[in-house]
C-alpha atoms as a PDB file:
ATOM      1  CA  MET A   1     -16.781  -7.581  23.501  1.00  0.00           C
ATOM      2  CA  ARG A   2     -14.810  -5.402  21.063  1.00  0.00           C
ATOM      3  CA  HIS A   3     -13.042  -7.412  18.748  1.00  0.00           C
ATOM      4  CA  ARG A   4     -10.378  -5.668  16.359  1.00  0.00           C
ATOM      5  CA  GLU A   5     -10.995  -4.689  13.270  1.00  0.00           C
ATOM      6  CA  ILE A   6      -8.955  -4.934  10.020  1.00  0.00           C
ATOM      7  CA  ARG A   7      -8.545  -1.437  10.038  1.00  0.00           C
ATOM      8  CA  GLU A   8      -6.578  -1.771  13.318  1.00  0.00           C
ATOM      9  CA  LEU A   9      -3.739  -4.191  11.877  1.00  0.00           C
ATOM     10  CA  MET A  10      -3.810  -3.546   8.275  1.00  0.00           C
ATOM     11  CA  THR A  11      -0.739  -1.854   6.160  1.00  0.00           C
ATOM     12  CA  ARG A  12      -2.059   1.399   4.899  1.00  0.00           C
ATOM     13  CA  GLU A  13       0.858   2.494   2.494  1.00  0.00           C
ATOM     14  CA  VAL A  14       0.517  -0.254  -0.240  1.00  0.00           C
ATOM     15  CA  VAL A  15       2.987  -0.441  -2.993  1.00  0.00           C
ATOM     16  CA  THR A  16       1.108  -1.153  -5.894  1.00  0.00           C
ATOM     17  CA  VAL A  17       1.718  -1.671  -9.664  1.00  0.00           C
ATOM     18  CA  PRO A  18      -0.411  -0.722 -12.628  1.00  0.00           C
ATOM     19  CA  ASP A  19      -1.719  -3.600 -14.982  1.00  0.00           C
ATOM     20  CA  ASN A  20       0.515  -2.293 -17.923  1.00  0.00           C
ATOM     21  CA  ALA A  21       3.650  -2.445 -15.448  1.00  0.00           C
ATOM     22  CA  PRO A  22       6.594  -4.474 -17.172  1.00  0.00           C
ATOM     23  CA  PHE A  23       8.676  -7.504 -15.429  1.00  0.00           C
ATOM     24  CA  LYS A  24      11.405  -5.808 -14.326  1.00  0.00           C
ATOM     25  CA  GLN A  25       9.256  -2.861 -12.652  1.00  0.00           C
ATOM     26  CA  ILE A  26       7.341  -5.439 -10.874  1.00  0.00           C
ATOM     27  CA  ALA A  27      10.488  -7.505  -9.635  1.00  0.00           C
ATOM     28  CA  ARG A  28      12.217  -4.028  -8.542  1.00  0.00           C
ATOM     29  CA  ALA A  29       8.929  -3.001  -6.819  1.00  0.00           C
ATOM     30  CA  LEU A  30       9.165  -6.278  -4.516  1.00  0.00           C
ATOM     31  CA  THR A  31      12.930  -6.192  -4.097  1.00  0.00           C
ATOM     32  CA  ASP A  32      13.047  -2.184  -3.414  1.00  0.00           C
ATOM     33  CA  HIS A  33      10.304  -2.264  -0.760  1.00  0.00           C
ATOM     34  CA  ARG A  34      10.965  -5.861   0.671  1.00  0.00           C
ATOM     35  CA  VAL A  35       7.488  -7.090   0.061  1.00  0.00           C
ATOM     36  CA  SER A  36       6.689 -10.411  -0.965  1.00  0.00           C
ATOM     37  CA  ALA A  37       3.652  -9.537  -3.047  1.00  0.00           C
ATOM     38  CA  VAL A  38       1.953  -6.276  -4.501  1.00  0.00           C
ATOM     39  CA  PRO A  39      -1.405  -5.659  -5.733  1.00  0.00           C
ATOM     40  CA  VAL A  40      -2.241  -4.681  -9.387  1.00  0.00           C
ATOM     41  CA  VAL A  41      -4.738  -1.805  -9.602  1.00  0.00           C
ATOM     42  CA  ASP A  42      -6.416   0.109 -12.448  1.00  0.00           C
ATOM     43  CA  ARG A  43      -6.259   4.170 -12.628  1.00  0.00           C
ATOM     44  CA  ALA A  44      -9.109   4.305 -10.222  1.00  0.00           C
ATOM     45  CA  GLY A  45      -7.473   2.364  -7.562  1.00  0.00           C
ATOM     46  CA  HIS A  46      -9.475  -0.682  -7.836  1.00  0.00           C
ATOM     47  CA  PRO A  47      -7.625  -3.879  -7.116  1.00  0.00           C
ATOM     48  CA  LEU A  48      -7.214  -6.104 -10.236  1.00  0.00           C
ATOM     49  CA  GLY A  49      -5.156  -8.998  -8.782  1.00  0.00           C
ATOM     50  CA  VAL A  50      -2.073  -9.610  -6.943  1.00  0.00           C
ATOM     51  CA  ILE A  51       1.619 -10.860  -7.731  1.00  0.00           C
ATOM     52  CA  SER A  52       3.597 -12.760  -5.623  1.00  0.00           C
ATOM     53  CA  GLU A  53       7.290 -13.847  -5.649  1.00  0.00           C
ATOM     54  CA  ARG A  54       5.608 -17.358  -6.500  1.00  0.00           C
ATOM     55  CA  ASP A  55       4.153 -15.653  -9.713  1.00  0.00           C
ATOM     56  CA  LEU A  56       7.573 -14.400 -11.097  1.00  0.00           C
ATOM     57  CA  LEU A  57       9.644 -17.519  -9.998  1.00  0.00           C
ATOM     58  CA  PRO A  58       8.826 -19.553 -13.270  1.00  0.00           C
ATOM     59  CA  LYS A  59      10.847 -16.896 -15.208  1.00  0.00           C
ATOM     60  CA  SER A  60      13.784 -17.527 -12.983  1.00  0.00           C
ATOM     61  CA  ALA A  61      13.039 -21.572 -13.037  1.00  0.00           C
ATOM     62  CA  GLY A  62      13.061 -21.325 -17.125  1.00  0.00           C
ATOM     63  CA  GLN A  63      16.359 -19.439 -17.359  1.00  0.00           C
ATOM     64  CA  GLY A  64      18.486 -22.899 -16.655  1.00  0.00           C
ATOM     65  CA  ASP A  65      21.301 -24.504 -18.597  1.00  0.00           C
ATOM     66  CA  TYR A  66      20.040 -24.587 -22.091  1.00  0.00           C
ATOM     67  CA  PHE A  67      21.290 -28.079 -22.383  1.00  0.00           C
ATOM     68  CA  GLN A  68      19.799 -29.201 -19.230  1.00  0.00           C
ATOM     69  CA  SER A  69      16.547 -30.808 -19.229  1.00  0.00           C
ATOM     70  CA  LEU A  70      13.958 -29.315 -16.904  1.00  0.00           C
ATOM     71  CA  PRO A  71      11.039 -31.083 -14.965  1.00  0.00           C
ATOM     72  CA  GLU A  72       7.741 -31.003 -16.340  1.00  0.00           C
ATOM     73  CA  ARG A  73       5.644 -27.809 -15.389  1.00  0.00           C
ATOM     74  CA  GLU A  74       1.954 -27.023 -15.116  1.00  0.00           C
ATOM     75  CA  ALA A  75       0.150 -25.182 -17.595  1.00  0.00           C
ATOM     76  CA  TRP A  76       0.042 -22.130 -15.097  1.00  0.00           C
ATOM     77  CA  GLN A  77       3.796 -22.164 -14.612  1.00  0.00           C
ATOM     78  CA  GLU A  78       4.424 -22.105 -18.321  1.00  0.00           C
ATOM     79  CA  ASP A  79       1.886 -19.164 -18.608  1.00  0.00           C
ATOM     80  CA  LYS A  80       3.825 -17.420 -16.038  1.00  0.00           C
ATOM     81  CA  ALA A  81       7.169 -18.194 -17.393  1.00  0.00           C
ATOM     82  CA  ALA A  82       5.914 -16.272 -20.579  1.00  0.00           C
ATOM     83  CA  GLY A  83       4.308 -13.459 -18.969  1.00  0.00           C
ATOM     84  CA  THR A  84       5.866 -10.067 -19.403  1.00  0.00           C
ATOM     85  CA  ARG A  85       3.477  -7.545 -17.627  1.00  0.00           C
ATOM     86  CA  ALA A  86       1.406  -7.352 -14.553  1.00  0.00           C
ATOM     87  CA  ASP A  87      -1.714  -8.384 -16.390  1.00  0.00           C
ATOM     88  CA  GLU A  88      -0.379 -11.569 -17.698  1.00  0.00           C
ATOM     89  CA  LEU A  89       1.554 -12.337 -14.254  1.00  0.00           C
ATOM     90  CA  MET A  90      -1.125 -11.630 -11.780  1.00  0.00           C
ATOM     91  CA  SER A  91      -3.296 -13.983  -9.809  1.00  0.00           C
ATOM     92  CA  SER A  92      -7.006 -12.717 -10.558  1.00  0.00           C
ATOM     93  CA  PRO A  93      -9.279 -11.959  -9.001  1.00  0.00           C
ATOM     94  CA  PRO A  94      -7.872 -10.799  -5.805  1.00  0.00           C
ATOM     95  CA  VAL A  95      -9.437 -11.817  -2.435  1.00  0.00           C
ATOM     96  CA  CYS A  96     -10.669  -8.888  -0.717  1.00  0.00           C
ATOM     97  CA  ALA A  97     -11.862  -8.055   2.878  1.00  0.00           C
ATOM     98  CA  ARG A  98     -13.614  -4.974   4.391  1.00  0.00           C
ATOM     99  CA  PRO A  99     -11.609  -2.714   6.947  1.00  0.00           C
ATOM    100  CA  ASP A 100     -14.490  -3.397   9.619  1.00  0.00           C
ATOM    101  CA  TRP A 101     -14.260  -7.144   9.507  1.00  0.00           C
ATOM    102  CA  THR A 102     -12.651  -8.928  12.389  1.00  0.00           C
ATOM    103  CA  VAL A 103      -9.679 -10.571  12.385  1.00  0.00           C
ATOM    104  CA  ALA A 104     -11.353 -14.198  12.824  1.00  0.00           C
ATOM    105  CA  GLU A 105     -13.630 -13.163   9.942  1.00  0.00           C
ATOM    106  CA  ALA A 106     -10.362 -12.433   7.755  1.00  0.00           C
ATOM    107  CA  ALA A 107      -8.713 -15.418   9.119  1.00  0.00           C
ATOM    108  CA  ARG A 108     -11.520 -17.921   7.960  1.00  0.00           C
ATOM    109  CA  LEU A 109     -11.367 -16.131   4.402  1.00  0.00           C
ATOM    110  CA  MET A 110      -7.979 -16.420   4.300  1.00  0.00           C
ATOM    111  CA  GLU A 111      -8.224 -19.959   5.170  1.00  0.00           C
ATOM    112  CA  ALA A 112     -10.906 -20.932   3.046  1.00  0.00           C
ATOM    113  CA  GLN A 113      -9.125 -19.294  -0.026  1.00  0.00           C
ATOM    114  CA  GLY A 114      -5.481 -20.332   0.793  1.00  0.00           C
ATOM    115  CA  VAL A 115      -4.263 -17.092   0.690  1.00  0.00           C
ATOM    116  CA  LYS A 116      -1.383 -15.296   2.769  1.00  0.00           C
ATOM    117  CA  ARG A 117      -2.967 -11.692   2.563  1.00  0.00           C
ATOM    118  CA  LEU A 118      -6.198  -9.839   1.779  1.00  0.00           C
ATOM    119  CA  LEU A 119      -6.226  -6.639   0.118  1.00  0.00           C
ATOM    120  CA  VAL A 120      -8.633  -4.537   2.010  1.00  0.00           C
ATOM    121  CA  VAL A 121     -11.317  -2.176   0.165  1.00  0.00           C
ATOM    122  CA  ASP A 122     -13.519   0.542   1.006  1.00  0.00           C
ATOM    123  CA  ASP A 123     -17.433   0.737  -0.128  1.00  0.00           C
ATOM    124  CA  SER A 124     -16.187   1.821  -3.654  1.00  0.00           C
ATOM    125  CA  ASP A 125     -13.948  -1.140  -4.117  1.00  0.00           C
ATOM    126  CA  VAL A 126     -10.865   1.162  -4.048  1.00  0.00           C
ATOM    127  CA  LEU A 127      -7.948  -0.260  -2.509  1.00  0.00           C
ATOM    128  CA  ILE A 128      -6.840   1.045   1.047  1.00  0.00           C
ATOM    129  CA  GLY A 129      -4.692  -1.585   2.794  1.00  0.00           C
ATOM    130  CA  ILE A 130      -3.382  -4.970   2.739  1.00  0.00           C
ATOM    131  CA  VAL A 131      -3.590  -7.421   5.682  1.00  0.00           C
ATOM    132  CA  SER A 132      -1.206 -10.274   5.945  1.00  0.00           C
ATOM    133  CA  ARG A 133      -1.181 -13.537   7.996  1.00  0.00           C
ATOM    134  CA  ARG A 134       1.337 -11.884  10.166  1.00  0.00           C
ATOM    135  CA  ASP A 135      -0.653  -9.072  10.740  1.00  0.00           C
ATOM    136  CA  LEU A 136      -3.605 -11.118  12.388  1.00  0.00           C
ATOM    137  CA  LEU A 137      -1.005 -12.573  14.784  1.00  0.00           C
ATOM    138  CA  ARG A 138      -0.540  -9.537  16.298  1.00  0.00           C
ATOM    139  CA  ILE A 139      -3.738  -9.776  18.496  1.00  0.00           C
ATOM    140  CA  PHE A 140      -2.093 -12.472  20.091  1.00  0.00           C
ATOM    141  CA  LEU A 141       0.661 -10.026  21.247  1.00  0.00           C
ATOM    142  CA  ARG A 142      -1.713  -8.265  23.622  1.00  0.00           C
ATOM    143  CA  ASP A 143      -0.703  -7.809  27.529  1.00  0.00           C
ATOM    144  CA  ASP A 144      -1.902 -10.474  29.636  1.00  0.00           C
ATOM    145  CA  GLU A 145      -3.250  -7.819  31.911  1.00  0.00           C
ATOM    146  CA  ASP A 146      -5.425  -6.405  29.166  1.00  0.00           C
ATOM    147  CA  ILE A 147      -6.917  -9.784  28.403  1.00  0.00           C
ATOM    148  CA  ARG A 148      -7.743 -10.498  32.116  1.00  0.00           C
ATOM    149  CA  HIS A 149      -9.465  -7.000  32.335  1.00  0.00           C
ATOM    150  CA  GLU A 150     -11.627  -7.601  29.284  1.00  0.00           C
ATOM    151  CA  ILE A 151     -12.738 -11.074  30.461  1.00  0.00           C
ATOM    152  CA  MET A 152     -13.651  -9.688  34.130  1.00  0.00           C
ATOM    153  CA  ALA A 153     -15.493  -6.581  32.877  1.00  0.00           C
ATOM    154  CA  ASP A 154     -16.934  -7.419  29.444  1.00  0.00           C
ATOM    155  CA  VAL A 155     -17.526 -11.427  30.088  1.00  0.00           C
ATOM    156  CA  LEU A 156     -18.087 -11.857  33.555  1.00  0.00           C
ATOM    157  CA  ASP A 157     -19.489  -8.443  34.687  1.00  0.00           C
ATOM    158  CA  LEU A 158     -21.478  -6.818  32.028  1.00  0.00           C
ATOM    159  CA  GLY A 159     -22.270  -9.962  29.780  1.00  0.00           C
ATOM    160  CA  LEU A 160     -23.284 -12.423  32.633  1.00  0.00           C
ATOM    161  CA  ARG A 161     -23.591 -10.551  35.631  1.00  0.00           C
ATOM    162  CA  GLN A 162     -21.560 -12.605  37.765  1.00  0.00           C
ATOM    163  CA  SER A 163     -19.687 -11.059  40.830  1.00  0.00           C
ATOM    164  CA  PRO A 164     -15.950 -10.186  39.991  1.00  0.00           C
ATOM    165  CA  GLU A 165     -15.420 -11.790  43.502  1.00  0.00           C
ATOM    166  CA  ALA A 166     -16.686 -15.150  42.696  1.00  0.00           C
ATOM    167  CA  VAL A 167     -14.317 -15.832  39.842  1.00  0.00           C
ATOM    168  CA  THR A 168     -10.705 -15.745  40.023  1.00  0.00           C
ATOM    169  CA  VAL A 169      -9.124 -14.753  36.434  1.00  0.00           C
ATOM    170  CA  GLU A 170      -5.418 -15.739  35.944  1.00  0.00           C
ATOM    171  CA  VAL A 171      -3.759 -15.133  32.096  1.00  0.00           C
ATOM    172  CA  ALA A 172      -0.281 -15.945  31.285  1.00  0.00           C
ATOM    173  CA  GLN A 173       1.207 -15.708  28.053  1.00  0.00           C
ATOM    174  CA  GLY A 174      -2.494 -15.776  26.815  1.00  0.00           C
ATOM    175  CA  ARG A 175      -3.349 -18.963  28.556  1.00  0.00           C
ATOM    176  CA  VAL A 176      -6.387 -18.222  30.627  1.00  0.00           C
ATOM    177  CA  GLU A 177      -7.532 -19.871  33.814  1.00  0.00           C
ATOM    178  CA  LEU A 178     -10.620 -19.560  35.678  1.00  0.00           C
ATOM    179  CA  HIS A 179     -11.390 -20.634  39.464  1.00  0.00           C
ATOM    180  CA  GLY A 180     -14.397 -19.796  41.328  1.00  0.00           C
ATOM    181  CA  THR A 181     -18.332 -20.593  41.528  1.00  0.00           C
ATOM    182  CA  VAL A 182     -20.749 -19.055  39.371  1.00  0.00           C
ATOM    183  CA  ASP A 183     -24.479 -18.973  39.898  1.00  0.00           C
ATOM    184  CA  PHE A 184     -25.702 -21.655  37.435  1.00  0.00           C
ATOM    185  CA  ARG A 185     -24.068 -24.902  36.000  1.00  0.00           C
ATOM    186  CA  SER A 186     -25.279 -23.824  32.467  1.00  0.00           C
ATOM    187  CA  LEU A 187     -22.894 -20.698  32.718  1.00  0.00           C
ATOM    188  CA  VAL A 188     -19.879 -22.880  33.018  1.00  0.00           C
ATOM    189  CA  PRO A 189     -19.298 -24.041  29.463  1.00  0.00           C
ATOM    190  CA  LEU A 190     -20.869 -20.332  28.241  1.00  0.00           C
ATOM    191  CA  ILE A 191     -18.099 -18.725  30.193  1.00  0.00           C
ATOM    192  CA  GLU A 192     -15.503 -20.913  28.828  1.00  0.00           C
ATOM    193  CA  ARG A 193     -16.618 -20.366  25.242  1.00  0.00           C
ATOM    194  CA  LEU A 194     -17.099 -16.569  25.435  1.00  0.00           C
ATOM    195  CA  CYS A 195     -13.462 -16.907  26.889  1.00  0.00           C
ATOM    196  CA  ARG A 196     -12.204 -18.241  24.139  1.00  0.00           C
ATOM    197  CA  THR A 197     -13.455 -15.792  21.823  1.00  0.00           C
ATOM    198  CA  VAL A 198     -11.557 -12.642  23.630  1.00  0.00           C
ATOM    199  CA  ASP A 199      -8.888 -11.387  21.158  1.00  0.00           C
ATOM    200  CA  GLY A 200      -5.085 -12.858  22.324  1.00  0.00           C
ATOM    201  CA  VAL A 201      -6.280 -15.624  24.079  1.00  0.00           C
ATOM    202  CA  VAL A 202      -4.613 -18.667  23.263  1.00  0.00           C
ATOM    203  CA  SER A 203      -6.350 -21.588  25.415  1.00  0.00           C
ATOM    204  CA  VAL A 204      -8.743 -21.544  28.387  1.00  0.00           C
ATOM    205  CA  THR A 205      -8.554 -23.627  31.541  1.00  0.00           C
ATOM    206  CA  GLN A 206     -11.517 -23.656  33.685  1.00  0.00           C
ATOM    207  CA  HIS A 207     -12.222 -24.956  37.255  1.00  0.00           C
ATOM    208  CA  LEU A 208     -15.605 -23.592  38.024  1.00  0.00           C
ATOM    209  CA  GLY A 209     -18.242 -24.903  40.443  1.00  0.00           C
ATOM    210  CA  TYR A 210     -21.744 -23.768  40.611  1.00  0.00           C
ATOM    211  CA  ALA A 211     -24.353 -22.985  43.305  1.00  0.00           C
ATOM    212  CA  ILE A 212     -27.538 -24.249  41.304  1.00  0.00           C
ATOM    213  CA  ASP A 213     -27.563 -27.149  38.533  1.00  0.00           C
ATOM    214  CA  ASP A 214     -30.047 -25.647  36.252  1.00  0.00           C
ATOM    215  CA  THR A 215     -29.441 -28.269  33.911  1.00  0.00           C
ATOM    216  CA  ASN A 216     -31.160 -30.965  35.546  1.00  0.00           C
ATOM    217  CA  PRO A 217     -34.942 -31.443  35.021  1.00  0.00           C
ATOM    218  CA  ALA A 218     -35.945 -32.729  38.680  1.00  0.00           C
END
């Protein structure tokens, strides 16, 4: 089966700022380009960190009424509030991915690191794109018929050598239903697992019978 790679989903025209960019330049880049974060890069294009709206917010929070007491802030918030340049404001090191990674690999890294986006770098660690959680969700916009065809051709026919007439595949809004009879009982859970790995599948429900119970030693 062919899984979509990050290179197919990432944004290639990335808005960046240098490490010596002043606060106002960063704020202007965010607002003018309507993005929620910008990578910080060196002169060679290597990513050094990421600045998000969250990194700039402590500056605004500290500009309340002089006579009004402010809630206690954590050390990182104080540091961000005092920062005036990109290298003082950025979150570093950046979390990066390779363009040939699958959506599943990128999603696992995002979840593990607790980030909303990954910087995509080439073999020389030069920034070539950025991918967000929203980008990864685009695989669930696949056409139902494309999903059905991939299951029939790649999973059942090429992968498991099951007759296309033996199993009926129905897909609606990414939800897969399987009906029919397969050769061996051990194939039933395998087919279900493989179908779940197809890009764009939301759920799998199977109603499959089998000709031979190869899981029973008797």
